[in-house]
Amino acid sequence: MGGRELDLPKAKETFTERGNPLVQAYLVLPRKIIVCLSTVNVTLDEDTAHPSLLLSENRKRVTLQESHQDLSSSTQRFDSLPCVLGQQHISSGRSFWEVKVEDAPSWDLGICLNNVTRKGMVTLSPQYGFWAIRFYNREYWALTSPETCLTVREIPHIVGIFLDYEDGDVSFYNMTDGSHIFSFTKNTFSGALRPLFRLWSSAPGTLTICPMGEENGGAISITE
């Protein structure tokens, strides 16, 4: 696999200049080393999945289907929005994972508190415990309050999510060209956070959590 370039000035602005060793390392070390040090092996939690979402056997892929499955009742399950959470509960440290988005025409990605509302009307914004970005109707949005329209210089096929729990930062990168998409900064997290995935009923598709083993290795090149 060839090298990839990251937008170094923007990466420094959002992470490196504030002393985040995760992203400093990610910028300069071979990918397979970073995999061992900082990535999260995210898997999907079937107990949280909306009935219209079909999970793969390895819990790495979620597909939106037109019909609803007859699933067991669960207080953890989303019943209005087609969302699913990762099984992982993150309450400290710096974490990173990647999601393949090219097979989904519309999606939301990010993190949320473990105790967010999952029944009835759900609003995805930091005020309600969600930190996420959205691709819908060919536009990219940060789910701030109000929402922020984003400019993306190249359509991402893979989105990288960086979480620094102690610093209260969540950042999204376009791993196709290495550019920065958006950051939620200076948050004060309380309690466990979980990876969040959403597909839209108006445009069925699939999200896939990328494997982070050595088979995806390869140095990332840096350009000033």
Protein backbone atom coordinates (compact mmCIF):
# COMPACT_ATOMS: atom_id res chain seq x y z
CA MET A 1 0.00 0.00 0.00
CA GLY A 2 1.29 3.47 -0.84
CA GLY A 3 1.76 6.25 1.65
CA ARG A 4 -0.94 8.76 2.52
CA GLU A 5 -0.49 12.45 3.23
CA LEU A 6 -2.05 14.20 6.19
CA ASP A 7 -2.86 17.90 6.26
CA LEU A 8 0.00 18.65 8.63
CA PRO A 9 -0.67 22.35 9.31
CA LYS A 10 -4.29 21.65 10.24
CA ALA A 11 -3.37 18.55 12.22
CA LYS A 12 -0.84 20.57 14.18
CA GLU A 13 -3.43 23.27 14.79
CA THR A 14 -5.96 20.83 16.20
CA PHE A 15 -3.74 18.37 18.03
CA THR A 16 0.05 18.49 17.85
CA GLU A 17 0.60 22.01 19.11
CA ARG A 18 -1.47 21.09 22.15
CA GLY A 19 0.80 18.15 22.86
CA ASN A 20 -1.38 15.22 21.82
CA PRO A 21 1.10 12.33 21.43
CA LEU A 22 -1.43 10.13 19.64
CA VAL A 23 -1.65 12.36 16.60
CA GLN A 24 2.02 13.32 16.75
CA ALA A 25 2.80 9.62 16.50
CA TYR A 26 0.19 9.02 13.83
CA LEU A 27 1.77 11.74 11.71
CA VAL A 28 5.26 10.27 11.72
CA LEU A 29 5.26 6.56 12.54
CA PRO A 30 4.48 3.55 10.33
CA ARG A 31 0.79 2.74 10.44
CA LYS A 32 1.26 -0.79 11.82
CA ILE A 33 3.00 0.65 14.89
CA ILE A 34 0.17 3.08 15.55
CA VAL A 35 -2.28 0.20 15.29
CA CYS A 36 -0.61 -1.47 18.26
CA LEU A 37 -0.46 1.69 20.34
CA SER A 38 -3.66 3.63 19.99
CA THR A 39 -6.47 2.14 17.95
CA VAL A 40 -9.74 0.78 19.29
CA ASN A 41 -11.08 -2.51 17.95
CA VAL A 42 -14.64 -1.24 17.62
CA THR A 43 -17.45 -3.76 17.25
CA LEU A 44 -21.17 -3.09 17.04
CA ASP A 45 -23.56 -3.75 19.92
CA GLU A 46 -26.59 -5.62 18.60
CA ASP A 47 -28.63 -4.78 21.71
CA THR A 48 -28.56 -1.10 20.73
CA ALA A 49 -29.33 -1.53 17.00
CA HIS A 50 -32.54 -0.13 15.54
CA PRO A 51 -34.72 -2.95 14.08
CA SER A 52 -34.05 -1.75 10.51
CA LEU A 53 -30.30 -2.26 10.90
CA LEU A 54 -28.70 -5.57 9.94
CA LEU A 55 -25.33 -6.31 11.54
CA SER A 56 -22.73 -8.61 10.04
CA GLU A 57 -21.71 -11.74 11.92
CA ASN A 58 -18.39 -10.20 12.95
CA ARG A 59 -20.17 -7.02 14.14
CA LYS A 60 -18.03 -4.85 11.89
CA ARG A 61 -20.62 -3.86 9.30
CA VAL A 62 -24.10 -2.35 9.52
CA THR A 63 -26.61 -2.22 6.67
CA LEU A 64 -29.93 -0.40 6.53
CA GLN A 65 -32.77 -2.51 5.15
CA GLU A 66 -36.33 -1.56 4.28
CA SER A 67 -38.00 -4.12 6.53
CA HIS A 68 -37.81 -4.18 10.31
CA GLN A 69 -36.50 -7.25 12.10
CA ASP A 70 -38.50 -8.84 14.89
CA LEU A 71 -35.98 -8.22 17.66
CA SER A 72 -36.22 -8.75 21.38
CA SER A 73 -37.26 -5.75 23.41
CA SER A 74 -34.31 -3.90 24.91
CA THR A 75 -34.08 -0.71 26.92
CA GLN A 76 -30.76 -0.14 25.16
CA ARG A 77 -32.20 -0.23 21.63
CA PHE A 78 -32.84 2.85 19.47
CA ASP A 79 -36.48 2.73 18.38
CA SER A 80 -36.84 5.89 16.25
CA LEU A 81 -33.49 6.74 14.67
CA PRO A 82 -31.64 3.98 12.73
CA CYS A 83 -28.62 4.08 15.03
CA VAL A 84 -26.31 1.53 16.60
CA LEU A 85 -23.53 1.97 19.15
CA GLY A 86 -20.15 0.36 19.45
CA GLN A 87 -19.73 -2.16 22.24
CA GLN A 88 -16.75 -0.29 23.62
CA HIS A 89 -17.14 2.03 26.62
CA ILE A 90 -14.40 4.67 26.59
CA SER A 91 -13.80 6.64 29.78
CA SER A 92 -10.15 7.66 29.56
CA GLY A 93 -7.18 8.07 27.25
CA ARG A 94 -6.84 8.71 23.55
CA SER A 95 -8.61 6.50 21.03
CA PHE A 96 -8.81 6.18 17.26
CA TRP A 97 -10.84 4.14 14.77
CA GLU A 98 -11.78 4.32 11.10
CA VAL A 99 -15.07 3.77 9.29
CA LYS A 100 -15.57 3.09 5.59
CA VAL A 101 -18.39 5.34 4.41
CA GLU A 102 -18.24 5.06 0.62
CA ASP A 103 -21.07 2.47 0.52
CA ALA A 104 -23.51 4.71 2.39
CA PRO A 105 -25.12 7.66 0.59
CA SER A 106 -26.09 9.27 3.91
CA TRP A 107 -24.70 8.73 7.42
CA ASP A 108 -23.88 10.13 10.86
CA LEU A 109 -20.67 9.19 12.70
CA GLY A 110 -19.25 10.14 16.06
CA ILE A 111 -19.53 9.38 19.74
CA CYS A 112 -22.17 9.67 22.42
CA LEU A 113 -22.60 9.26 26.13
CA ASN A 114 -23.63 5.80 27.23
CA ASN A 115 -26.79 7.16 28.86
CA VAL A 116 -28.23 9.11 25.91
CA THR A 117 -31.93 8.98 25.09
CA ARG A 118 -32.68 6.14 22.65
CA LYS A 119 -36.47 6.07 22.65
CA GLY A 120 -38.81 8.49 20.94
CA MET A 121 -37.52 11.86 19.80
CA VAL A 122 -33.71 11.97 19.81
CA THR A 123 -31.68 15.09 19.00
CA LEU A 124 -28.08 14.54 17.97
CA SER A 125 -26.11 17.45 19.44
CA PRO A 126 -23.56 17.95 22.24
CA GLN A 127 -26.32 19.38 24.43
CA TYR A 128 -27.90 15.91 24.45
CA GLY A 129 -24.68 13.90 24.67
CA PHE A 130 -23.87 13.40 20.98
CA TRP A 131 -20.75 14.61 19.13
CA ALA A 132 -21.09 13.69 15.47
CA ILE A 133 -20.80 14.74 11.84
CA ARG A 134 -23.30 14.06 9.06
CA PHE A 135 -23.31 13.47 5.32
CA TYR A 136 -26.76 14.00 3.86
CA ASN A 137 -28.04 15.21 0.49
CA ARG A 138 -24.44 15.63 -0.68
CA GLU A 139 -23.62 18.04 2.14
CA TYR A 140 -21.44 17.62 5.23
CA TRP A 141 -22.53 18.94 8.60
CA ALA A 142 -21.19 19.09 12.13
CA LEU A 143 -24.05 18.36 14.50
CA THR A 144 -23.46 21.41 16.65
CA SER A 145 -26.34 23.55 17.88
CA PRO A 146 -27.18 25.02 15.43
CA GLU A 147 -25.62 22.71 12.85
CA THR A 148 -22.46 23.82 11.04
CA CYS A 149 -22.10 23.31 7.28
CA LEU A 150 -18.67 21.90 6.42
CA THR A 151 -16.43 22.23 3.39
CA VAL A 152 -14.71 18.99 2.38
CA ARG A 153 -12.06 19.28 -0.30
CA GLU A 154 -12.30 15.62 -1.35
CA ILE A 155 -15.11 13.13 -0.78
CA PRO A 156 -14.01 10.78 2.02
CA HIS A 157 -14.15 7.05 1.48
CA ILE A 158 -12.91 6.44 5.03
CA VAL A 159 -13.41 8.69 8.05
CA GLY A 160 -11.01 8.58 10.99
CA ILE A 161 -12.29 9.48 14.46
CA PHE A 162 -9.87 10.71 17.14
CA LEU A 163 -11.04 10.97 20.75
CA ASP A 164 -9.01 12.53 23.56
CA TYR A 165 -11.14 11.96 26.64
CA GLU A 166 -9.16 14.05 29.13
CA ASP A 167 -8.78 17.03 26.77
CA GLY A 168 -12.42 16.80 25.74
CA ASP A 169 -11.65 16.68 22.03
CA VAL A 170 -13.33 14.72 19.23
CA SER A 171 -11.91 15.18 15.73
CA PHE A 172 -12.78 13.75 12.34
CA TYR A 173 -10.33 13.24 9.49
CA ASN A 174 -10.79 12.36 5.84
CA MET A 175 -8.45 9.38 5.57
CA THR A 176 -8.74 9.45 1.78
CA ASP A 177 -6.61 12.58 1.53
CA GLY A 178 -5.56 13.08 5.17
CA SER A 179 -7.43 16.36 5.60
CA HIS A 180 -9.15 17.59 8.73
CA ILE A 181 -12.96 17.65 8.63
CA PHE A 182 -14.08 19.02 12.00
CA SER A 183 -13.28 19.07 15.71
CA PHE A 184 -15.42 19.39 18.81
CA THR A 185 -13.06 20.88 21.40
CA LYS A 186 -12.91 21.77 25.09
CA ASN A 187 -15.73 19.48 26.13
CA THR A 188 -15.96 18.12 29.66
CA PHE A 189 -16.91 14.46 29.43
CA SER A 190 -18.56 12.70 32.35
CA GLY A 191 -19.11 8.97 32.10
CA ALA A 192 -18.43 6.46 29.37
CA LEU A 193 -18.48 7.38 25.68
CA ARG A 194 -19.37 5.01 22.86
CA PRO A 195 -18.87 5.03 19.08
CA LEU A 196 -22.04 6.07 17.23
CA PHE A 197 -23.25 5.00 13.78
CA ARG A 198 -26.38 6.12 11.94
CA LEU A 199 -27.80 5.32 8.51
CA TRP A 200 -30.69 7.17 6.89
CA SER A 201 -33.96 5.50 5.92
CA SER A 202 -34.23 7.71 2.83
CA ALA A 203 -31.02 6.25 1.40
CA PRO A 204 -30.16 2.66 2.41
CA GLY A 205 -26.48 1.84 2.60
CA THR A 206 -23.69 0.21 4.59
CA LEU A 207 -21.06 1.42 7.06
CA THR A 208 -18.02 -0.76 7.73
CA ILE A 209 -15.57 -0.48 10.62
CA CYS A 210 -12.10 -0.79 9.15
CA PRO A 211 -9.71 -3.49 10.36
CA MET A 212 -6.73 -1.91 12.06
CA GLY A 213 -4.19 -4.74 11.87
CA GLU A 214 -0.84 -4.92 10.12
CA GLU A 215 -2.47 -5.75 6.81
CA ASN A 216 -3.46 -2.09 6.65
CA GLY A 217 0.03 -0.89 7.42
CA GLY A 218 2.14 1.51 5.44
CA ALA A 219 3.90 4.72 6.26
CA ILE A 220 1.98 7.97 6.14
CA SER A 221 3.91 10.71 4.36
CA ILE A 222 3.97 14.25 5.65
CA THR A 223 4.13 17.44 3.60
CA GLU A 224 4.39 20.95 4.98
